[in-house]
Amino acid sequence: MRRAVTVLAPGPSALVQDLGRPGYAHLGVPPSGALDVPSLRLANRLAGNAEGAAGIEVVLGGLVLRAEASCTVVVTGPSTPVLLAGRDVGSHAPVHLRAGDVVELGPPRAGLRSYLAVSGGLDVPPHLGSRSTDVLSGIGPDPLRAGDVLPLGTPVRPPTGEDAVAPPSPPDRLTVPVLLGPREDWFADPVAQLAAATWSVSPESNRVGLRLLGHPLVRADARAERELTSEAVVTGAVQVPASGRPVIFLADHPTTGGYPVIGVVPTKHLAALAQARPGTRVRLRPRA
């Protein structure tokens, strides 16, 4: 029997993700990949995979899979119910499935995204060197649907629980640093404005960007009516559109943009933003 899992239900959103396809910005292709990289890496380690193996990124649970052959699954991210035959076997630990077993993910108890790794990794066809789904450009596998059969690769080592850690508990308030530039001079006293503001995460946020609601940032008088020529942007860039309300670009962001970027959130803080549910309060702390 071939090694595979079948999607019985995808939940609100389930996407194949690995560590992405960096290096193609000159072709207009975003880096993509898991938004919460540490969680995907951990899931793969616990499943006995290489850290970059493809798994499934799940938003607010609801994913139901059937094993078509013996395999091991691991779910990471925030604490999440993992149901096997109706019993919660828990996240952040290897769970063995026999052929025909069905596993279901409940909604995370906090946060937004869970990561499911399967021993051997998902062996779907790569595109530009990655198996990640890019929702902006449409590159990579389609979003998962009921009936999809996902082939599995060959396991490279036995699953392990020795580096398991307690599940994180994403907070309802976040403070993240922002390295100012390149266009902070487009704003009136950018340090004071950023330091004073508290925003909330918009329900319109997605893998392209985390949209923030709240008091708009004000442009400097000399820049108020000017437009910016499109220029390259990076993951973590804090772009400020005409509304004045920032958008923090995530993994599926466009590679160029025509609004000023007031600063950039360092990479190590992006996983926390990936777990921010709508309504989460966010403060941006400027650094020169």
Protein backbone atom coordinates (compact mmCIF):
# COMPACT_ATOMS: atom_id res chain seq x y z
CA MET A 1 0.00 0.00 0.00
CA ARG A 2 1.39 3.43 -0.91
CA ARG A 3 2.25 5.82 1.88
CA ALA A 4 -0.24 8.65 1.80
CA VAL A 5 -2.81 10.58 3.80
CA THR A 6 -6.24 11.59 2.52
CA VAL A 7 -7.87 14.90 3.41
CA LEU A 8 -11.41 14.24 4.65
CA ALA A 9 -11.99 17.89 5.64
CA PRO A 10 -9.62 20.88 5.35
CA GLY A 11 -11.20 23.16 7.95
CA PRO A 12 -11.26 26.93 7.29
CA SER A 13 -7.83 26.85 5.63
CA ALA A 14 -5.20 24.15 5.21
CA LEU A 15 -2.12 24.67 3.04
CA VAL A 16 0.98 22.66 2.24
CA GLN A 17 4.01 24.59 3.51
CA ASP A 18 7.73 24.03 3.92
CA LEU A 19 10.46 26.64 4.48
CA GLY A 20 9.60 28.46 1.26
CA ARG A 21 11.30 29.49 -1.97
CA PRO A 22 13.56 32.47 -1.19
CA GLY A 23 15.72 33.96 -3.94
CA TYR A 24 13.09 34.60 -6.63
CA ALA A 25 12.13 38.18 -5.84
CA HIS A 26 13.69 39.27 -9.15
CA LEU A 27 10.98 37.18 -10.84
CA GLY A 28 8.24 38.70 -8.69
CA VAL A 29 7.86 35.51 -6.62
CA PRO A 30 7.44 35.89 -2.83
CA PRO A 31 9.42 33.67 -0.43
CA SER A 32 6.25 31.99 0.92
CA GLY A 33 6.69 29.08 3.37
CA ALA A 34 5.37 28.52 6.89
CA LEU A 35 4.47 31.72 8.73
CA ASP A 36 5.44 30.21 12.10
CA VAL A 37 8.77 28.67 11.08
CA PRO A 38 9.82 27.43 14.56
CA SER A 39 6.59 25.44 14.88
CA LEU A 40 7.05 23.71 11.51
CA ARG A 41 10.69 22.92 12.31
CA LEU A 42 9.70 21.41 15.66
CA ALA A 43 6.91 19.33 14.14
CA ASN A 44 9.32 17.88 11.62
CA ARG A 45 11.98 17.08 14.23
CA LEU A 46 9.42 15.26 16.37
CA ALA A 47 8.17 13.32 13.32
CA GLY A 48 11.72 12.26 12.40
CA ASN A 49 11.90 14.47 9.32
CA ALA A 50 14.40 17.00 8.10
CA GLU A 51 13.32 20.39 9.46
CA GLY A 52 12.45 21.68 5.98
CA ALA A 53 10.09 18.85 5.03
CA ALA A 54 6.64 19.86 3.79
CA GLY A 55 3.79 19.74 6.29
CA ILE A 56 0.35 21.31 6.62
CA GLU A 57 -0.37 24.79 7.98
CA VAL A 58 -3.87 24.81 9.50
CA VAL A 59 -5.88 27.89 10.48
CA LEU A 60 -8.24 27.46 13.46
CA GLY A 61 -8.34 23.67 13.25
CA GLY A 62 -10.94 21.57 11.45
CA LEU A 63 -8.44 19.47 9.47
CA VAL A 64 -9.39 15.78 9.28
CA LEU A 65 -6.96 13.25 7.75
CA ARG A 66 -7.09 9.51 7.13
CA ALA A 67 -3.87 7.49 7.07
CA GLU A 68 -3.64 5.19 4.05
CA ALA A 69 -0.62 3.40 5.55
CA SER A 70 1.23 3.26 8.85
CA CYS A 71 2.73 6.66 9.67
CA THR A 72 3.38 9.11 12.48
CA VAL A 73 1.91 12.60 12.79
CA VAL A 74 2.89 15.50 15.03
CA VAL A 75 0.97 18.73 15.61
CA THR A 76 2.69 21.87 16.92
CA GLY A 77 1.97 25.58 17.29
CA PRO A 78 -0.32 26.62 20.15
CA SER A 79 -1.89 23.91 22.31
CA THR A 80 -4.37 22.13 20.04
CA PRO A 81 -6.76 19.19 20.55
CA VAL A 82 -5.64 16.24 18.39
CA LEU A 83 -8.39 13.62 18.23
CA LEU A 84 -7.76 9.97 17.37
CA ALA A 85 -10.85 7.74 17.53
CA GLY A 86 -12.55 10.53 19.47
CA ARG A 87 -9.83 10.69 22.12
CA ASP A 88 -7.58 13.73 22.56
CA VAL A 89 -4.03 12.41 22.25
CA GLY A 90 -2.50 15.88 22.54
CA SER A 91 -0.20 18.02 20.47
CA HIS A 92 3.61 18.35 20.54
CA ALA A 93 4.21 14.60 20.65
CA PRO A 94 4.41 11.86 17.99
CA VAL A 95 1.15 10.00 17.37
CA HIS A 96 1.28 6.69 15.49
CA LEU A 97 -1.47 6.02 12.95
CA ARG A 98 -2.34 2.68 11.42
CA ALA A 99 -3.81 2.39 7.94
CA GLY A 100 -7.40 3.61 8.14
CA ASP A 101 -6.96 5.68 11.30
CA VAL A 102 -8.51 9.14 11.23
CA VAL A 103 -6.99 12.12 13.03
CA GLU A 104 -8.77 15.44 13.57
CA LEU A 105 -7.46 18.82 14.70
CA GLY A 106 -9.60 20.98 16.94
CA PRO A 107 -9.22 24.76 17.12
CA PRO A 108 -6.11 25.92 18.99
CA ARG A 109 -6.78 27.07 22.54
CA ALA A 110 -5.02 30.33 21.73
CA GLY A 111 -3.35 31.68 18.62
CA LEU A 112 -4.29 30.95 15.05
CA ARG A 113 -2.10 28.43 13.18
CA SER A 114 -1.21 24.78 13.83
CA TYR A 115 1.39 22.73 11.95
CA LEU A 116 1.01 19.05 11.16
CA ALA A 117 4.02 17.00 10.07
CA VAL A 118 3.85 13.40 8.85
CA SER A 119 6.76 10.96 8.94
CA GLY A 120 8.49 11.13 5.57
CA GLY A 121 7.04 14.58 4.80
CA LEU A 122 4.46 15.43 2.15
CA ASP A 123 5.86 14.40 -1.23
CA VAL A 124 3.79 16.67 -3.47
CA PRO A 125 5.51 18.07 -6.60
CA PRO A 126 7.83 21.03 -5.88
CA HIS A 127 7.60 24.35 -7.72
CA LEU A 128 10.76 26.46 -7.93
CA GLY A 129 12.37 24.19 -5.37
CA SER A 130 9.59 24.36 -2.77
CA ARG A 131 6.33 22.59 -1.99
CA SER A 132 4.82 25.69 -0.35
CA THR A 133 1.47 27.15 -1.37
CA ASP A 134 1.77 30.83 -2.27
CA VAL A 135 -1.67 32.44 -2.00
CA LEU A 136 -0.58 35.66 -3.74
CA SER A 137 0.99 34.30 -6.94
CA GLY A 138 -0.81 30.93 -7.02
CA ILE A 139 2.47 29.01 -7.20
CA GLY A 140 2.62 25.64 -5.45
CA PRO A 141 -0.12 23.20 -4.45
CA ASP A 142 -3.72 24.36 -4.40
CA PRO A 143 -5.32 24.92 -0.98
CA LEU A 144 -6.30 21.53 0.37
CA ARG A 145 -9.79 20.18 -0.30
CA ALA A 146 -11.76 17.16 0.86
CA GLY A 147 -10.69 14.12 -1.16
CA ASP A 148 -7.09 15.26 -1.78
CA VAL A 149 -4.60 12.39 -1.46
CA LEU A 150 -1.17 13.55 -0.30
CA PRO A 151 1.73 11.15 -0.97
CA LEU A 152 4.38 10.76 1.70
CA GLY A 153 8.13 10.53 1.34
CA THR A 154 10.38 7.89 2.82
CA PRO A 155 11.05 8.34 6.57
CA VAL A 156 14.66 9.27 7.31
CA ARG A 157 14.75 8.45 11.04
CA PRO A 158 12.43 7.29 13.83
CA PRO A 159 10.09 9.84 15.42
CA THR A 160 11.34 11.25 18.72
CA GLY A 161 9.84 13.02 21.68
CA GLU A 162 13.08 13.97 23.35
CA ASP A 163 13.03 17.63 22.28
CA ALA A 164 9.34 18.18 22.97
CA VAL A 165 8.51 21.45 24.69
CA ALA A 166 5.43 22.86 26.35
CA PRO A 167 3.05 24.40 23.79
CA PRO A 168 3.34 28.18 23.58
CA SER A 169 0.42 30.36 24.64
CA PRO A 170 0.14 33.27 22.22
CA PRO A 171 -0.79 36.44 24.14
CA ASP A 172 -3.63 38.82 23.33
CA ARG A 173 -1.13 41.72 23.41
CA LEU A 174 2.12 41.86 21.45
CA THR A 175 5.02 44.29 21.48
CA VAL A 176 7.46 43.86 18.59
CA PRO A 177 10.50 45.89 17.58
CA VAL A 178 10.69 47.77 14.29
CA LEU A 179 13.99 48.74 12.68
CA LEU A 180 13.33 52.15 11.17
CA GLY A 181 13.77 52.74 7.44
CA PRO A 182 14.04 53.08 4.60
CA ARG A 183 11.22 55.67 4.41
CA GLU A 184 10.73 56.83 7.99
CA ASP A 185 11.45 60.39 6.81
CA TRP A 186 8.05 60.36 5.08
CA PHE A 187 6.39 60.58 8.52
CA ALA A 188 6.14 63.33 11.10
CA ASP A 189 8.27 62.33 14.11
CA PRO A 190 8.09 58.58 13.30
CA VAL A 191 9.66 57.45 16.58
CA ALA A 192 7.08 59.29 18.69
CA GLN A 193 4.17 58.20 16.51
CA LEU A 194 5.11 54.52 16.63
CA ALA A 195 5.91 54.57 20.34
CA ALA A 196 2.55 56.14 21.22
CA ALA A 197 0.27 53.96 19.10
CA THR A 198 -1.54 50.71 19.89
CA TRP A 199 -3.23 48.87 17.02
CA SER A 200 -5.42 45.78 16.76
CA VAL A 201 -5.15 42.99 14.20
CA SER A 202 -7.75 43.29 11.44
CA PRO A 203 -9.93 40.31 10.42
CA GLU A 204 -8.77 41.08 6.85
CA SER A 205 -5.24 39.92 7.68
CA ASN A 206 -3.88 36.92 5.78
CA ARG A 207 -0.62 35.32 4.67
CA VAL A 208 0.18 38.39 2.55
CA GLY A 209 0.11 40.83 5.44
CA LEU A 210 -1.02 41.54 8.97
CA ARG A 211 -3.33 44.56 8.70
CA LEU A 212 -3.56 46.83 11.72
CA LEU A 213 -6.54 48.92 12.84
CA GLY A 214 -6.24 52.05 14.92
CA HIS A 215 -4.97 55.61 14.85
CA PRO A 216 -3.40 56.37 11.45
CA LEU A 217 0.23 57.43 11.07
CA VAL A 218 0.59 60.99 9.81
CA ARG A 219 2.94 61.91 6.98
CA ALA A 220 5.35 64.81 7.21
CA ASP A 221 4.01 67.98 5.60
CA ALA A 222 6.56 67.84 2.79
CA ARG A 223 5.49 64.27 1.92
CA ALA A 224 1.74 64.57 2.43
CA GLU A 225 0.77 64.77 -1.25
CA ARG A 226 3.67 62.86 -2.79
CA GLU A 227 3.63 59.40 -4.31
CA LEU A 228 6.44 56.89 -4.06
CA THR A 229 7.91 55.00 -7.00
CA SER A 230 7.49 51.25 -6.48
CA GLU A 231 10.50 49.68 -4.81
CA ALA A 232 11.50 46.32 -3.39
CA VAL A 233 10.02 45.19 -0.08
CA VAL A 234 11.03 42.36 2.26
CA THR A 235 9.23 40.06 4.67
CA GLY A 236 8.52 41.98 7.86
CA ALA A 237 8.32 45.35 6.08
CA VAL A 238 5.84 47.74 7.75
CA GLN A 239 4.19 49.45 4.81
CA VAL A 240 1.92 52.42 5.41
CA PRO A 241 -0.79 52.86 2.72
CA ALA A 242 -2.79 56.04 2.17
CA SER A 243 -5.07 55.19 5.11
CA GLY A 244 -2.10 55.59 7.48
CA ARG A 245 -2.80 52.18 9.08
CA PRO A 246 0.23 49.88 8.83
CA VAL A 247 0.43 46.52 7.09
CA ILE A 248 3.18 44.13 8.21
CA PHE A 249 4.17 42.01 5.22
CA LEU A 250 4.28 38.25 5.84
CA ALA A 251 5.63 35.40 3.71
CA ASP A 252 3.33 35.77 0.68
CA HIS A 253 3.86 39.53 0.33
CA PRO A 254 4.37 41.26 -3.04
CA THR A 255 8.01 41.78 -3.93
CA THR A 256 7.54 45.50 -4.74
CA GLY A 257 5.30 48.19 -3.32
CA GLY A 258 4.40 51.80 -3.95
CA TYR A 259 3.67 52.92 -0.39
CA PRO A 260 6.39 54.03 2.04
CA VAL A 261 7.92 51.46 4.39
CA ILE A 262 8.45 53.06 7.80
CA GLY A 263 10.45 50.10 9.15
CA VAL A 264 10.98 46.35 9.23
CA VAL A 265 10.09 43.80 11.93
CA PRO A 266 13.08 41.45 12.54
CA THR A 267 12.55 37.89 11.33
CA LYS A 268 12.59 36.27 14.77
CA HIS A 269 9.43 38.18 15.76
CA LEU A 270 7.34 37.17 12.74
CA ALA A 271 6.21 33.83 14.22
CA ALA A 272 4.44 35.66 17.05
CA LEU A 273 2.65 37.87 14.52
CA ALA A 274 1.62 34.76 12.54
CA GLN A 275 -0.27 33.53 15.64
CA ALA A 276 -2.07 36.84 16.28
CA ARG A 277 -5.83 36.41 16.04
CA PRO A 278 -8.06 39.29 14.90
CA GLY A 279 -8.41 41.73 17.77
CA THR A 280 -4.95 41.06 19.20
CA ARG A 281 -3.41 44.33 20.40
CA VAL A 282 -0.08 45.20 18.77
CA ARG A 283 2.51 47.82 19.69
CA LEU A 284 5.50 48.58 17.47
CA ARG A 285 8.67 49.68 19.26
CA PRO A 286 10.96 51.71 16.99
CA ARG A 287 14.69 51.11 16.83
CA ALA A 288 17.07 53.25 14.82
